[in-house]
């Protein structure tokens, strides 16, 4: 085991303890392949599943794997109009399983997410019966202040570029705390406790994933 692998595993164990005291479940996997296999083993046939926009989910191969299973997919990317997209987003709140990543996670198990439209953080807070979060160890921050800073400096700028949005950070790479119409930092949600035990599960992966 390399020093980095050892560090990830030790740090993940600390985070999992933090998650547990906050009413969430945690698990650590060395690779995306192992994490995806675990997810697939959890899903009953015909379950309804949906997901929020996430580079991590794409990089792990989870979305492609879900499409190969006998599941009811609620996939807003298939919408051909804004109305269809809105309907898909609303249906996602009733899904059996909702998948997402997290913009950051603190060493003590707090989740920090910053959204533009808010549908992803809304599903995290309330709606789907189960929320499964996949996150690379690069998402770990010391505390909530560091986590928010991480999102503004390391996650939001490349995401605006990926989405073709016109914000100051997409032009300079630096957060300007903007109020642009394209701002993707409209909603900041810190999940410090989960009152519905068993609903939120966090799968930490010993890889660099997402932004």
Foldseek 3Di string as FASTA:
>chain_A
DDPLLVVLVVLQVLLQVLQVVQQEGEDEAAALVVVLVVVVVPDDAAFEEEEDDFQQCVVSCNVVVVVVGRYHYLYLVPDPDPVSSVVSLVVNLAGQEYEYAAQAAESSHKTKHFFAVCSRVVSVQHGHQAYEYEYEPVRYDHDDVRNVVCCQQPAQQVVCCVVVHDDPCVVVSHHPVDPDPRDTRPDIDMSSHDPPRPRYYYYYYHDHTHD
